[in-house]
């Protein structure tokens, strides 16, 4: 009895697979143009994603270690250098504090020390002086 059930089950599965295959063939024949357009669109999508990742994925921004001699001569600490880079990126004190996980008062202290070390009175002066020395890009 069990063998008959398995045989009937296999027969029905094969019949269902054959009917599905025929239905698939009918679908492909009736919508061949749409399927070709879909496959071409997928190919162009993949090409676009690939080219977009190659062109825009890698930023041209290179992190510069700075001028080690100038950093040492001025006594700029690594944390002050991080703050200087954030200033050069145009961020406010609050934004810098959030990015570096410190308080805004700590950022103000770092900025004041940077102004002293670079001989600057404002942010733009500090950035220009740091660029002249090759500390930031």
C-alpha atoms as a PDB file:
ATOM      1  CA  UNK A   1       0.000   0.000   0.000  1.00  0.00           C
ATOM      2  CA  UNK A   2       2.808   2.373   0.915  1.00  0.00           C
ATOM      3  CA  UNK A   3       4.597   1.727  -2.379  1.00  0.00           C
ATOM      4  CA  UNK A   4       1.437   2.584  -4.298  1.00  0.00           C
ATOM      5  CA  UNK A   5       1.035   5.879  -2.407  1.00  0.00           C
ATOM      6  CA  UNK A   6       4.641   6.818  -3.117  1.00  0.00           C
ATOM      7  CA  UNK A   7       4.243   5.832  -6.786  1.00  0.00           C
ATOM      8  CA  UNK A   8       1.017   7.855  -7.151  1.00  0.00           C
ATOM      9  CA  UNK A   9       2.635  10.802  -5.347  1.00  0.00           C
ATOM     10  CA  UNK A  10       5.637  10.704  -7.683  1.00  0.00           C
ATOM     11  CA  UNK A  11       3.331  10.405 -10.691  1.00  0.00           C
ATOM     12  CA  UNK A  12       1.273  13.416  -9.566  1.00  0.00           C
ATOM     13  CA  UNK A  13       4.432  15.421  -8.814  1.00  0.00           C
ATOM     14  CA  UNK A  14       5.843  14.638 -12.261  1.00  0.00           C
ATOM     15  CA  UNK A  15       2.506  15.578 -13.877  1.00  0.00           C
ATOM     16  CA  UNK A  16       2.367  18.846 -11.945  1.00  0.00           C
ATOM     17  CA  UNK A  17       5.954  19.656 -12.894  1.00  0.00           C
ATOM     18  CA  UNK A  18       5.150  18.940 -16.560  1.00  0.00           C
ATOM     19  CA  UNK A  19       2.068  21.176 -16.463  1.00  0.00           C
ATOM     20  CA  UNK A  20       4.059  23.964 -14.777  1.00  0.00           C
ATOM     21  CA  UNK A  21       6.768  23.628 -17.417  1.00  0.00           C
ATOM     22  CA  UNK A  22       4.191  23.909 -20.191  1.00  0.00           C
ATOM     23  CA  UNK A  23       2.622  26.928 -18.500  1.00  0.00           C
ATOM     24  CA  UNK A  24       6.101  28.497 -18.201  1.00  0.00           C
ATOM     25  CA  UNK A  25       6.763  27.828 -21.882  1.00  0.00           C
ATOM     26  CA  UNK A  26       3.451  29.478 -22.827  1.00  0.00           C
ATOM     27  CA  UNK A  27       4.278  32.472 -20.622  1.00  0.00           C
ATOM     28  CA  UNK A  28       7.716  32.850 -22.152  1.00  0.00           C
ATOM     29  CA  UNK A  29       6.398  32.637 -25.684  1.00  0.00           C
ATOM     30  CA  UNK A  30       3.577  35.107 -25.105  1.00  0.00           C
ATOM     31  CA  UNK A  31       5.790  37.655 -23.275  1.00  0.00           C
ATOM     32  CA  UNK A  32       9.171  37.097 -24.916  1.00  0.00           C
ATOM     33  CA  UNK A  33       9.703  40.778 -25.700  1.00  0.00           C
ATOM     34  CA  UNK A  34       8.919  41.813 -22.134  1.00  0.00           C
ATOM     35  CA  UNK A  35      11.319  39.230 -20.749  1.00  0.00           C
ATOM     36  CA  UNK A  36      14.117  40.438 -23.026  1.00  0.00           C
ATOM     37  CA  UNK A  37      13.496  44.040 -21.999  1.00  0.00           C
ATOM     38  CA  UNK A  38      13.538  42.965 -18.339  1.00  0.00           C
ATOM     39  CA  UNK A  39      16.829  41.096 -18.758  1.00  0.00           C
ATOM     40  CA  UNK A  40      18.418  44.059 -20.564  1.00  0.00           C
ATOM     41  CA  UNK A  41      17.182  46.420 -17.840  1.00  0.00           C
ATOM     42  CA  UNK A  42      18.696  44.164 -15.154  1.00  0.00           C
ATOM     43  CA  UNK A  43      21.997  44.098 -17.059  1.00  0.00           C
ATOM     44  CA  UNK A  44      22.077  47.908 -17.318  1.00  0.00           C
ATOM     45  CA  UNK A  45      21.130  48.203 -13.650  1.00  0.00           C
ATOM     46  CA  UNK A  46      24.017  45.939 -12.678  1.00  0.00           C
ATOM     47  CA  UNK A  47      26.365  47.895 -14.932  1.00  0.00           C
ATOM     48  CA  UNK A  48      25.190  51.187 -13.425  1.00  0.00           C
ATOM     49  CA  UNK A  49      25.647  49.947  -9.875  1.00  0.00           C
ATOM     50  CA  UNK A  50      29.119  48.647 -10.714  1.00  0.00           C
ATOM     51  CA  UNK A  51      30.229  51.855 -12.430  1.00  0.00           C
ATOM     52  CA  UNK A  52      28.681  54.001  -9.714  1.00  0.00           C
ATOM     53  CA  UNK A  53      30.549  52.084  -7.046  1.00  0.00           C
ATOM     54  CA  UNK A  54      33.803  52.411  -8.991  1.00  0.00           C
ATOM     55  CA  UNK A  55      33.417  56.119  -9.739  1.00  0.00           C
ATOM     56  CA  UNK A  56      31.715  57.421  -6.604  1.00  0.00           C
ATOM     57  CA  UNK A  57      32.476  54.695  -4.063  1.00  0.00           C
ATOM     58  CA  UNK A  58      36.045  55.682  -3.360  1.00  0.00           C
ATOM     59  CA  UNK A  59      36.399  59.243  -2.275  1.00  0.00           C
ATOM     60  CA  UNK A  60      39.384  61.178  -3.455  1.00  0.00           C
ATOM     61  CA  UNK A  61      39.795  62.494   0.087  1.00  0.00           C
ATOM     62  CA  UNK A  62      43.049  61.216   1.454  1.00  0.00           C
ATOM     63  CA  UNK A  63      43.752  61.505   5.147  1.00  0.00           C
ATOM     64  CA  UNK A  64      47.006  63.320   5.582  1.00  0.00           C
ATOM     65  CA  UNK A  65      49.061  62.501   8.632  1.00  0.00           C
ATOM     66  CA  UNK A  66      50.144  66.090   8.673  1.00  0.00           C
ATOM     67  CA  UNK A  67      53.600  67.475   8.797  1.00  0.00           C
ATOM     68  CA  UNK A  68      55.129  65.569  11.728  1.00  0.00           C
ATOM     69  CA  UNK A  69      57.914  68.103  12.172  1.00  0.00           C
ATOM     70  CA  UNK A  70      55.479  71.019  12.347  1.00  0.00           C
ATOM     71  CA  UNK A  71      53.201  69.111  14.714  1.00  0.00           C
ATOM     72  CA  UNK A  72      56.129  68.346  16.990  1.00  0.00           C
ATOM     73  CA  UNK A  73      57.550  71.865  16.818  1.00  0.00           C
ATOM     74  CA  UNK A  74      54.193  73.439  17.641  1.00  0.00           C
ATOM     75  CA  UNK A  75      53.317  70.793  20.240  1.00  0.00           C
ATOM     76  CA  UNK A  76      49.957  69.954  18.706  1.00  0.00           C
ATOM     77  CA  UNK A  77      48.475  66.863  20.351  1.00  0.00           C
ATOM     78  CA  UNK A  78      46.641  64.165  18.360  1.00  0.00           C
ATOM     79  CA  UNK A  79      43.321  65.309  19.832  1.00  0.00           C
ATOM     80  CA  UNK A  80      44.007  68.901  18.885  1.00  0.00           C
ATOM     81  CA  UNK A  81      44.846  67.694  15.395  1.00  0.00           C
ATOM     82  CA  UNK A  82      41.461  65.930  15.245  1.00  0.00           C
ATOM     83  CA  UNK A  83      39.762  69.174  16.284  1.00  0.00           C
ATOM     84  CA  UNK A  84      41.769  71.108  13.680  1.00  0.00           C
ATOM     85  CA  UNK A  85      40.674  68.686  10.957  1.00  0.00           C
ATOM     86  CA  UNK A  86      37.056  69.083  12.030  1.00  0.00           C
ATOM     87  CA  UNK A  87      37.420  72.867  11.934  1.00  0.00           C
ATOM     88  CA  UNK A  88      38.898  72.596   8.442  1.00  0.00           C
ATOM     89  CA  UNK A  89      35.850  70.523   7.459  1.00  0.00           C
ATOM     90  CA  UNK A  90      33.669  73.493   8.475  1.00  0.00           C
ATOM     91  CA  UNK A  91      32.007  71.985  11.544  1.00  0.00           C
ATOM     92  CA  UNK A  92      30.741  73.970  14.513  1.00  0.00           C
ATOM     93  CA  UNK A  93      31.872  73.399  18.091  1.00  0.00           C
ATOM     94  CA  UNK A  94      28.738  71.385  18.868  1.00  0.00           C
ATOM     95  CA  UNK A  95      29.210  69.203  15.791  1.00  0.00           C
ATOM     96  CA  UNK A  96      32.870  68.644  16.640  1.00  0.00           C
ATOM     97  CA  UNK A  97      31.949  67.735  20.208  1.00  0.00           C
ATOM     98  CA  UNK A  98      29.359  65.231  18.996  1.00  0.00           C
ATOM     99  CA  UNK A  99      31.759  63.634  16.488  1.00  0.00           C
ATOM    100  CA  UNK A 100      34.631  63.351  18.971  1.00  0.00           C
ATOM    101  CA  UNK A 101      32.424  62.418  21.949  1.00  0.00           C
ATOM    102  CA  UNK A 102      33.608  65.268  24.140  1.00  0.00           C
ATOM    103  CA  UNK A 103      31.879  68.288  25.654  1.00  0.00           C
ATOM    104  CA  UNK A 104      31.662  71.579  23.775  1.00  0.00           C
ATOM    105  CA  UNK A 105      33.786  73.171  26.521  1.00  0.00           C
ATOM    106  CA  UNK A 106      36.574  70.679  25.785  1.00  0.00           C
ATOM    107  CA  UNK A 107      36.372  71.621  22.123  1.00  0.00           C
ATOM    108  CA  UNK A 108      36.619  75.296  23.040  1.00  0.00           C
ATOM    109  CA  UNK A 109      39.719  74.550  25.116  1.00  0.00           C
ATOM    110  CA  UNK A 110      41.341  72.647  22.252  1.00  0.00           C
ATOM    111  CA  UNK A 111      40.523  75.481  19.855  1.00  0.00           C
ATOM    112  CA  UNK A 112      41.975  78.098  22.209  1.00  0.00           C
ATOM    113  CA  UNK A 113      45.195  76.077  22.502  1.00  0.00           C
ATOM    114  CA  UNK A 114      45.329  75.661  18.725  1.00  0.00           C
ATOM    115  CA  UNK A 115      44.942  79.419  18.268  1.00  0.00           C
ATOM    116  CA  UNK A 116      47.856  79.989  20.647  1.00  0.00           C
ATOM    117  CA  UNK A 117      50.070  77.393  18.992  1.00  0.00           C
ATOM    118  CA  UNK A 118      49.277  78.540  15.451  1.00  0.00           C
ATOM    119  CA  UNK A 119      49.318  82.257  16.259  1.00  0.00           C
ATOM    120  CA  UNK A 120      45.768  82.709  15.019  1.00  0.00           C
ATOM    121  CA  UNK A 121      42.914  84.902  16.167  1.00  0.00           C
ATOM    122  CA  UNK A 122      40.073  83.126  14.376  1.00  0.00           C
ATOM    123  CA  UNK A 123      39.261  79.805  12.758  1.00  0.00           C
ATOM    124  CA  UNK A 124      40.109  80.862   9.224  1.00  0.00           C
ATOM    125  CA  UNK A 125      43.527  82.095  10.350  1.00  0.00           C
ATOM    126  CA  UNK A 126      44.180  78.783  12.091  1.00  0.00           C
ATOM    127  CA  UNK A 127      43.123  76.760   9.036  1.00  0.00           C
ATOM    128  CA  UNK A 128      45.227  78.881   6.676  1.00  0.00           C
ATOM    129  CA  UNK A 129      48.281  78.600   8.925  1.00  0.00           C
ATOM    130  CA  UNK A 130      47.791  74.822   9.264  1.00  0.00           C
ATOM    131  CA  UNK A 131      47.506  74.492   5.474  1.00  0.00           C
ATOM    132  CA  UNK A 132      50.676  76.537   4.993  1.00  0.00           C
ATOM    133  CA  UNK A 133      52.499  74.167   7.343  1.00  0.00           C
ATOM    134  CA  UNK A 134      51.028  71.092   5.644  1.00  0.00           C
ATOM    135  CA  UNK A 135      49.218  69.960   8.769  1.00  0.00           C
ATOM    136  CA  UNK A 136      45.782  69.732   7.125  1.00  0.00           C
ATOM    137  CA  UNK A 137      44.698  69.610   3.509  1.00  0.00           C
END
